[in-house]
Each structure stands twice: as structure tokens, then as C-alpha cells.
Amino acid sequence: MDLPRTFALGPFHFSPLGPECCDADFVAVTSSADLLHGLFGSEWPRGLTYARNHEDLTRHAREWDDKFAFAYVIRSEEGGYMGCAYVNPTPNDVGGRVYLWLRLTQDHQISDLHRQFSDWMLGQGMAATQWPIATPG
């Protein structure tokens, strides 16, 4: 699978999520912990430390390089940290799972993000039936 490294969907600007995002990511995740809890079927982000967050973001960068999974930071047009998108293909590359979240202060926009990201996925040849999208809640 080969996805673009950067793109924009209306007010949502996507670029690879990596360790250089750690400061803003840690603030966004920890300030939205109640909203995000259970998104990935685990206790994340409860108990998340800065060091663990940095490790996670470093892993996401390696996954990008290996084309194993694709984690994006979502920023506003002004560059503000809004949230993340994760595109996780299955091992056989026939579908996968997508996770979208926006920080608590931006969560009112999640339905717009979901719709625009679904349309983008279709344009990438990713059928909604094979690529379900999970959001908080």
C-alpha cells in the first residue's frame, strides 16, 4: 500500500505522525484521555507517560517507512494540533482498520472529518466495507 505523506481535506491537514510531534501529541492525547479511552480496545491513553508516547510515535514513523501502517497527525490550516488518523492494513493487504480522533476541543468536527476521510479513502481505492472507521464514543 502506498499512501500520500501529506494531503488536505478542507480544514484538515494530514502529515506523518512521528516523534517530532511528541510535545503537541502528548498534550492533545492526555487532555482528551476520557474521550479517547477504549478507542483501540485497550486502556490507552490512561497512564500514558511522555516517554511512552515518544516510543509510540517513533514506532509509527518506522511503520510509515516500512509501509506497514500509516499514522497521520491532523492539523488545522493554521498548524494547530487537531488529532490523528491511523490507517492499519491487514497483513494480506485486503482491507484493514481506520481510526480517527480529534482532541476534545475539536471533537465537534468529527462527523465532518469522518465524511471527508471516507470520501478520500474511496478515491484511494479503499472500499468502506473493507476499511471500517472507528472514532471515539
N, C-alpha and C. Protein backbone atom coordinates (compact mmCIF):
# COMPACT_ATOMS: atom_id res chain seq x y z
N MET A 1 0.85 -1.17 0.00
CA MET A 1 0.00 0.00 0.00
C MET A 1 0.89 1.23 0.00
N ASP A 2 0.51 2.20 -0.79
CA ASP A 2 1.27 3.43 -0.88
C ASP A 2 0.32 4.61 -0.76
N LEU A 3 0.39 5.31 0.36
CA LEU A 3 -0.48 6.46 0.61
C LEU A 3 0.35 7.74 0.59
N PRO A 4 -0.30 8.87 0.27
CA PRO A 4 0.44 10.13 0.27
C PRO A 4 0.90 10.49 1.68
N ARG A 5 2.06 11.12 1.77
CA ARG A 5 2.57 11.53 3.08
C ARG A 5 1.85 12.76 3.60
N THR A 6 1.48 13.65 2.72
CA THR A 6 0.75 14.86 3.13
C THR A 6 -0.42 15.09 2.18
N PHE A 7 -1.49 15.61 2.73
CA PHE A 7 -2.65 15.99 1.94
C PHE A 7 -3.58 16.81 2.84
N ALA A 8 -4.55 17.45 2.23
CA ALA A 8 -5.53 18.24 2.98
C ALA A 8 -6.93 17.84 2.54
N LEU A 9 -7.84 17.85 3.49
CA LEU A 9 -9.27 17.65 3.25
C LEU A 9 -9.99 18.81 3.92
N GLY A 10 -10.30 19.84 3.16
CA GLY A 10 -10.91 21.03 3.75
C GLY A 10 -10.01 21.58 4.83
N PRO A 11 -10.53 21.75 6.05
CA PRO A 11 -9.73 22.34 7.13
C PRO A 11 -8.75 21.36 7.79
N PHE A 12 -8.75 20.10 7.36
CA PHE A 12 -7.93 19.06 7.98
C PHE A 12 -6.68 18.82 7.13
N HIS A 13 -5.52 19.02 7.72
CA HIS A 13 -4.25 18.87 7.02
C HIS A 13 -3.48 17.70 7.64
N PHE A 14 -3.12 16.73 6.81
CA PHE A 14 -2.53 15.48 7.25
C PHE A 14 -1.05 15.41 6.90
N SER A 15 -0.25 14.92 7.84
CA SER A 15 1.17 14.63 7.62
C SER A 15 1.55 13.49 8.56
N PRO A 16 2.66 12.80 8.26
CA PRO A 16 3.03 11.64 9.09
C PRO A 16 3.21 12.00 10.57
N LEU A 17 2.71 11.12 11.41
CA LEU A 17 2.86 11.25 12.85
C LEU A 17 4.17 10.60 13.26
N GLY A 18 5.03 11.35 13.92
CA GLY A 18 6.31 10.82 14.35
C GLY A 18 6.79 11.49 15.61
N PRO A 19 8.00 11.15 16.07
CA PRO A 19 8.48 11.67 17.35
C PRO A 19 8.62 13.19 17.40
N GLU A 20 8.75 13.83 16.26
CA GLU A 20 8.84 15.29 16.24
C GLU A 20 7.52 15.94 16.67
N CYS A 21 6.44 15.17 16.71
CA CYS A 21 5.13 15.66 17.13
C CYS A 21 4.88 15.42 18.61
N CYS A 22 5.85 14.89 19.34
CA CYS A 22 5.60 14.37 20.68
C CYS A 22 5.04 15.42 21.64
N ASP A 23 5.58 16.60 21.68
CA ASP A 23 5.10 17.61 22.64
C ASP A 23 3.61 17.89 22.44
N ALA A 24 3.23 18.24 21.21
CA ALA A 24 1.83 18.58 20.92
C ALA A 24 0.94 17.34 21.04
N ASP A 25 1.43 16.19 20.62
CA ASP A 25 0.64 14.97 20.69
C ASP A 25 0.35 14.60 22.14
N PHE A 26 1.35 14.68 22.98
CA PHE A 26 1.17 14.31 24.39
C PHE A 26 0.12 15.20 25.04
N VAL A 27 0.16 16.50 24.78
CA VAL A 27 -0.83 17.42 25.33
C VAL A 27 -2.22 17.08 24.80
N ALA A 28 -2.33 16.84 23.48
CA ALA A 28 -3.63 16.54 22.89
C ALA A 28 -4.21 15.24 23.44
N VAL A 29 -3.37 14.21 23.52
CA VAL A 29 -3.85 12.90 23.99
C VAL A 29 -4.24 12.95 25.46
N THR A 30 -3.37 13.49 26.29
CA THR A 30 -3.65 13.47 27.73
C THR A 30 -4.82 14.39 28.09
N SER A 31 -4.98 15.49 27.37
CA SER A 31 -6.11 16.38 27.67
C SER A 31 -7.43 15.82 27.15
N SER A 32 -7.36 14.80 26.29
CA SER A 32 -8.56 14.17 25.74
C SER A 32 -8.69 12.71 26.17
N ALA A 33 -8.02 12.34 27.25
CA ALA A 33 -7.94 10.93 27.67
C ALA A 33 -9.31 10.30 27.89
N ASP A 34 -10.23 11.01 28.51
CA ASP A 34 -11.55 10.43 28.74
C ASP A 34 -12.28 10.14 27.43
N LEU A 35 -12.14 11.02 26.47
CA LEU A 35 -12.75 10.84 25.15
C LEU A 35 -12.12 9.66 24.43
N LEU A 36 -10.80 9.52 24.51
CA LEU A 36 -10.06 8.52 23.74
C LEU A 36 -10.03 7.14 24.36
N HIS A 37 -10.31 7.05 25.65
CA HIS A 37 -10.22 5.77 26.34
C HIS A 37 -11.07 4.71 25.64
N GLY A 38 -10.45 3.59 25.30
CA GLY A 38 -11.14 2.48 24.66
C GLY A 38 -11.18 2.53 23.15
N LEU A 39 -10.71 3.60 22.53
CA LEU A 39 -10.75 3.71 21.07
C LEU A 39 -10.07 2.52 20.41
N PHE A 40 -8.95 2.09 20.97
CA PHE A 40 -8.21 0.97 20.39
C PHE A 40 -8.48 -0.33 21.13
N GLY A 41 -9.54 -0.36 21.92
CA GLY A 41 -9.89 -1.56 22.65
C GLY A 41 -8.95 -1.86 23.80
N SER A 42 -8.31 -0.84 24.31
CA SER A 42 -7.37 -1.02 25.42
C SER A 42 -7.56 0.12 26.42
N GLU A 43 -6.69 0.16 27.40
CA GLU A 43 -6.74 1.23 28.40
C GLU A 43 -6.13 2.53 27.89
N TRP A 44 -5.47 2.49 26.74
CA TRP A 44 -4.86 3.70 26.20
C TRP A 44 -5.90 4.80 26.11
N PRO A 45 -5.56 6.00 26.48
CA PRO A 45 -4.26 6.54 26.88
C PRO A 45 -4.06 6.67 28.39
N ARG A 46 -4.89 6.01 29.16
CA ARG A 46 -4.75 6.12 30.62
C ARG A 46 -3.36 5.66 31.04
N GLY A 47 -2.73 6.47 31.88
CA GLY A 47 -1.39 6.16 32.38
C GLY A 47 -0.28 6.43 31.39
N LEU A 48 -0.59 7.05 30.27
CA LEU A 48 0.43 7.34 29.26
C LEU A 48 1.45 8.32 29.80
N THR A 49 2.72 7.99 29.64
CA THR A 49 3.81 8.89 30.02
C THR A 49 4.38 9.53 28.76
N TYR A 50 5.10 10.61 28.96
CA TYR A 50 5.75 11.28 27.83
C TYR A 50 6.71 10.33 27.13
N ALA A 51 7.49 9.59 27.91
CA ALA A 51 8.46 8.66 27.33
C ALA A 51 7.77 7.58 26.50
N ARG A 52 6.68 7.04 27.02
CA ARG A 52 5.94 6.01 26.27
C ARG A 52 5.33 6.58 25.01
N ASN A 53 4.83 7.80 25.09
CA ASN A 53 4.27 8.46 23.92
C ASN A 53 5.35 8.62 22.85
N HIS A 54 6.53 9.04 23.26
CA HIS A 54 7.65 9.20 22.31
C HIS A 54 7.99 7.86 21.65
N GLU A 55 7.99 6.79 22.43
CA GLU A 55 8.24 5.45 21.88
C GLU A 55 7.17 5.08 20.86
N ASP A 56 5.92 5.36 21.18
CA ASP A 56 4.82 5.05 20.26
C ASP A 56 4.97 5.83 18.95
N LEU A 57 5.31 7.10 19.05
CA LEU A 57 5.44 7.93 17.85
C LEU A 57 6.65 7.50 17.01
N THR A 58 7.71 7.06 17.67
CA THR A 58 8.87 6.53 16.95
C THR A 58 8.48 5.26 16.19
N ARG A 59 7.69 4.41 16.82
CA ARG A 59 7.19 3.19 16.16
C ARG A 59 6.32 3.55 14.96
N HIS A 60 5.45 4.54 15.11
CA HIS A 60 4.61 4.96 13.99
C HIS A 60 5.46 5.42 12.81
N ALA A 61 6.54 6.13 13.08
CA ALA A 61 7.43 6.59 12.00
C ALA A 61 8.07 5.39 11.29
N ARG A 62 8.51 4.39 12.05
CA ARG A 62 9.08 3.17 11.44
C ARG A 62 8.04 2.44 10.59
N GLU A 63 6.81 2.38 11.10
CA GLU A 63 5.75 1.71 10.35
C GLU A 63 5.50 2.40 9.01
N TRP A 64 5.59 3.74 9.00
CA TRP A 64 5.47 4.50 7.75
C TRP A 64 6.57 4.09 6.79
N ASP A 65 7.80 4.10 7.29
CA ASP A 65 8.95 3.77 6.44
C ASP A 65 8.83 2.36 5.87
N ASP A 66 8.29 1.44 6.65
CA ASP A 66 8.12 0.05 6.23
C ASP A 66 6.83 -0.19 5.45
N LYS A 67 5.99 0.86 5.32
CA LYS A 67 4.67 0.75 4.67
C LYS A 67 3.82 -0.34 5.31
N PHE A 68 3.96 -0.45 6.62
CA PHE A 68 3.23 -1.42 7.41
C PHE A 68 1.91 -0.83 7.92
N ALA A 69 1.97 0.43 8.34
CA ALA A 69 0.81 1.18 8.83
C ALA A 69 1.10 2.66 8.64
N PHE A 70 0.03 3.46 8.65
CA PHE A 70 0.17 4.87 8.30
C PHE A 70 -0.56 5.72 9.33
N ALA A 71 0.21 6.38 10.18
CA ALA A 71 -0.37 7.25 11.20
C ALA A 71 -0.14 8.70 10.79
N TYR A 72 -1.20 9.47 10.82
CA TYR A 72 -1.15 10.88 10.45
C TYR A 72 -1.48 11.76 11.65
N VAL A 73 -0.79 12.89 11.74
CA VAL A 73 -1.23 13.96 12.62
C VAL A 73 -2.18 14.81 11.77
N ILE A 74 -3.25 15.28 12.39
CA ILE A 74 -4.20 16.15 11.71
C ILE A 74 -4.04 17.54 12.32
N ARG A 75 -3.75 18.49 11.46
CA ARG A 75 -3.57 19.88 11.90
C ARG A 75 -4.59 20.77 11.21
N SER A 76 -4.84 21.90 11.84
CA SER A 76 -5.71 22.92 11.23
C SER A 76 -4.92 23.66 10.16
N GLU A 77 -5.62 24.48 9.42
CA GLU A 77 -4.94 25.30 8.40
C GLU A 77 -3.86 26.19 9.01
N GLU A 78 -4.06 26.57 10.27
CA GLU A 78 -3.09 27.42 10.97
C GLU A 78 -1.97 26.61 11.59
N GLY A 79 -2.04 25.29 11.53
CA GLY A 79 -0.99 24.44 12.10
C GLY A 79 -1.30 23.89 13.47
N GLY A 80 -2.46 24.20 14.03
CA GLY A 80 -2.81 23.69 15.35
C GLY A 80 -3.07 22.19 15.33
N TYR A 81 -2.68 21.53 16.39
CA TYR A 81 -2.81 20.08 16.50
C TYR A 81 -4.27 19.72 16.79
N MET A 82 -4.91 19.02 15.85
CA MET A 82 -6.32 18.68 15.99
C MET A 82 -6.55 17.24 16.45
N GLY A 83 -5.71 16.31 15.99
CA GLY A 83 -5.93 14.90 16.32
C GLY A 83 -5.08 14.01 15.44
N CYS A 84 -5.55 12.76 15.24
CA CYS A 84 -4.78 11.78 14.48
C CYS A 84 -5.69 10.89 13.65
N ALA A 85 -5.09 10.32 12.62
CA ALA A 85 -5.73 9.29 11.79
C ALA A 85 -4.74 8.14 11.67
N TYR A 86 -5.24 6.92 11.80
CA TYR A 86 -4.41 5.73 11.68
C TYR A 86 -5.02 4.83 10.62
N VAL A 87 -4.23 4.46 9.63
CA VAL A 87 -4.65 3.54 8.58
C VAL A 87 -3.82 2.28 8.79
N ASN A 88 -4.48 1.21 9.22
CA ASN A 88 -3.79 -0.04 9.57
C ASN A 88 -4.26 -1.17 8.65
N PRO A 89 -3.50 -1.44 7.59
CA PRO A 89 -3.87 -2.53 6.69
C PRO A 89 -3.78 -3.90 7.38
N THR A 90 -4.56 -4.85 6.88
CA THR A 90 -4.42 -6.23 7.36
C THR A 90 -3.15 -6.80 6.74
N PRO A 91 -2.61 -7.88 7.32
CA PRO A 91 -1.38 -8.47 6.78
C PRO A 91 -1.47 -8.86 5.31
N ASN A 92 -2.65 -9.22 4.82
CA ASN A 92 -2.78 -9.61 3.42
C ASN A 92 -3.14 -8.44 2.51
N ASP A 93 -3.16 -7.22 3.07
CA ASP A 93 -3.46 -6.00 2.31
C ASP A 93 -4.84 -6.02 1.63
N VAL A 94 -5.78 -6.77 2.19
CA VAL A 94 -7.14 -6.76 1.67
C VAL A 94 -8.02 -6.10 2.72
N GLY A 95 -7.91 -4.80 2.81
CA GLY A 95 -8.67 -4.07 3.80
C GLY A 95 -7.83 -3.78 5.03
N GLY A 96 -8.52 -3.36 6.07
CA GLY A 96 -7.84 -3.01 7.30
C GLY A 96 -8.78 -2.24 8.20
N ARG A 97 -8.20 -1.44 9.06
CA ARG A 97 -8.98 -0.68 10.03
C ARG A 97 -8.46 0.74 10.05
N VAL A 98 -9.35 1.69 10.20
CA VAL A 98 -9.00 3.10 10.27
C VAL A 98 -9.53 3.66 11.59
N TYR A 99 -8.71 4.46 12.25
CA TYR A 99 -9.10 5.13 13.49
C TYR A 99 -8.92 6.62 13.29
N LEU A 100 -9.91 7.39 13.67
CA LEU A 100 -9.85 8.85 13.60
C LEU A 100 -10.21 9.42 14.96
N TRP A 101 -9.46 10.40 15.40
CA TRP A 101 -9.88 11.13 16.60
C TRP A 101 -9.44 12.57 16.50
N LEU A 102 -10.22 13.41 17.12
CA LEU A 102 -9.91 14.83 17.27
C LEU A 102 -9.89 15.14 18.75
N ARG A 103 -8.99 16.00 19.14
CA ARG A 103 -8.89 16.32 20.56
C ARG A 103 -10.22 16.86 21.08
N LEU A 104 -10.40 16.77 22.35
CA LEU A 104 -11.66 17.12 22.98
C LEU A 104 -12.16 18.50 22.54
N THR A 105 -11.26 19.46 22.38
CA THR A 105 -11.67 20.82 22.00
C THR A 105 -12.10 20.90 20.53
N GLN A 106 -11.80 19.86 19.73
CA GLN A 106 -12.14 19.86 18.30
C GLN A 106 -13.17 18.79 17.95
N ASP A 107 -13.61 18.00 18.93
CA ASP A 107 -14.41 16.81 18.67
C ASP A 107 -15.73 17.10 17.97
N HIS A 108 -16.23 18.31 18.05
CA HIS A 108 -17.48 18.66 17.37
C HIS A 108 -17.35 18.53 15.85
N GLN A 109 -16.12 18.42 15.33
CA GLN A 109 -15.89 18.31 13.90
C GLN A 109 -15.70 16.88 13.42
N ILE A 110 -15.85 15.89 14.30
CA ILE A 110 -15.53 14.50 13.95
C ILE A 110 -16.42 13.98 12.82
N SER A 111 -17.68 14.37 12.75
CA SER A 111 -18.55 13.88 11.68
C SER A 111 -18.09 14.41 10.32
N ASP A 112 -17.64 15.68 10.27
CA ASP A 112 -17.09 16.23 9.02
C ASP A 112 -15.81 15.50 8.63
N LEU A 113 -14.96 15.25 9.60
CA LEU A 113 -13.72 14.52 9.32
C LEU A 113 -14.04 13.13 8.81
N HIS A 114 -14.95 12.44 9.46
CA HIS A 114 -15.32 11.09 9.06
C HIS A 114 -15.81 11.07 7.60
N ARG A 115 -16.68 11.98 7.28
CA ARG A 115 -17.23 12.04 5.92
C ARG A 115 -16.14 12.33 4.89
N GLN A 116 -15.31 13.34 5.16
CA GLN A 116 -14.27 13.71 4.21
C GLN A 116 -13.21 12.62 4.08
N PHE A 117 -12.88 11.97 5.19
CA PHE A 117 -11.87 10.91 5.14
C PHE A 117 -12.43 9.69 4.41
N SER A 118 -13.70 9.38 4.60
CA SER A 118 -14.34 8.27 3.87
C SER A 118 -14.28 8.52 2.37
N ASP A 119 -14.59 9.74 1.96
CA ASP A 119 -14.52 10.09 0.53
C ASP A 119 -13.09 9.97 0.01
N TRP A 120 -12.13 10.42 0.80
CA TRP A 120 -10.72 10.32 0.41
C TRP A 120 -10.32 8.85 0.25
N MET A 121 -10.73 8.01 1.20
CA MET A 121 -10.40 6.58 1.13
C MET A 121 -10.93 5.97 -0.16
N LEU A 122 -12.15 6.30 -0.52
CA LEU A 122 -12.74 5.79 -1.75
C LEU A 122 -11.87 6.18 -2.94
N GLY A 123 -11.40 7.41 -2.95
CA GLY A 123 -10.50 7.88 -4.01
C GLY A 123 -9.16 7.16 -4.03
N GLN A 124 -8.78 6.57 -2.90
CA GLN A 124 -7.54 5.79 -2.81
C GLN A 124 -7.78 4.31 -3.13
N GLY A 125 -9.02 3.96 -3.48
CA GLY A 125 -9.36 2.58 -3.79
C GLY A 125 -9.64 1.74 -2.56
N MET A 126 -9.99 2.39 -1.46
CA MET A 126 -10.23 1.70 -0.20
C MET A 126 -11.74 1.66 0.06
N ALA A 127 -12.37 0.54 -0.24
CA ALA A 127 -13.81 0.39 -0.08
C ALA A 127 -14.20 0.43 1.40
N ALA A 128 -15.25 1.15 1.70
CA ALA A 128 -15.70 1.31 3.09
C ALA A 128 -16.02 -0.03 3.75
N THR A 129 -16.49 -1.00 2.97
CA THR A 129 -16.82 -2.31 3.54
C THR A 129 -15.58 -3.06 4.01
N GLN A 130 -14.43 -2.75 3.44
CA GLN A 130 -13.18 -3.41 3.84
C GLN A 130 -12.32 -2.56 4.75
N TRP A 131 -12.71 -1.30 4.94
CA TRP A 131 -11.94 -0.36 5.75
C TRP A 131 -12.86 0.36 6.73
N PRO A 132 -13.40 -0.31 7.74
CA PRO A 132 -14.26 0.38 8.70
C PRO A 132 -13.49 1.45 9.46
N ILE A 133 -14.19 2.52 9.79
CA ILE A 133 -13.60 3.64 10.53
C ILE A 133 -14.14 3.65 11.94
N ALA A 134 -13.22 3.68 12.91
CA ALA A 134 -13.59 3.81 14.32
C ALA A 134 -13.28 5.22 14.78
N THR A 135 -14.20 5.78 15.55
CA THR A 135 -13.99 7.08 16.18
C THR A 135 -14.36 6.95 17.66
N PRO A 136 -13.93 7.89 18.50
CA PRO A 136 -14.28 7.80 19.92
C PRO A 136 -15.78 7.83 20.14
N GLY A 137 -16.19 7.18 21.20
CA GLY A 137 -17.59 7.28 21.59
C GLY A 137 -18.41 6.07 21.39
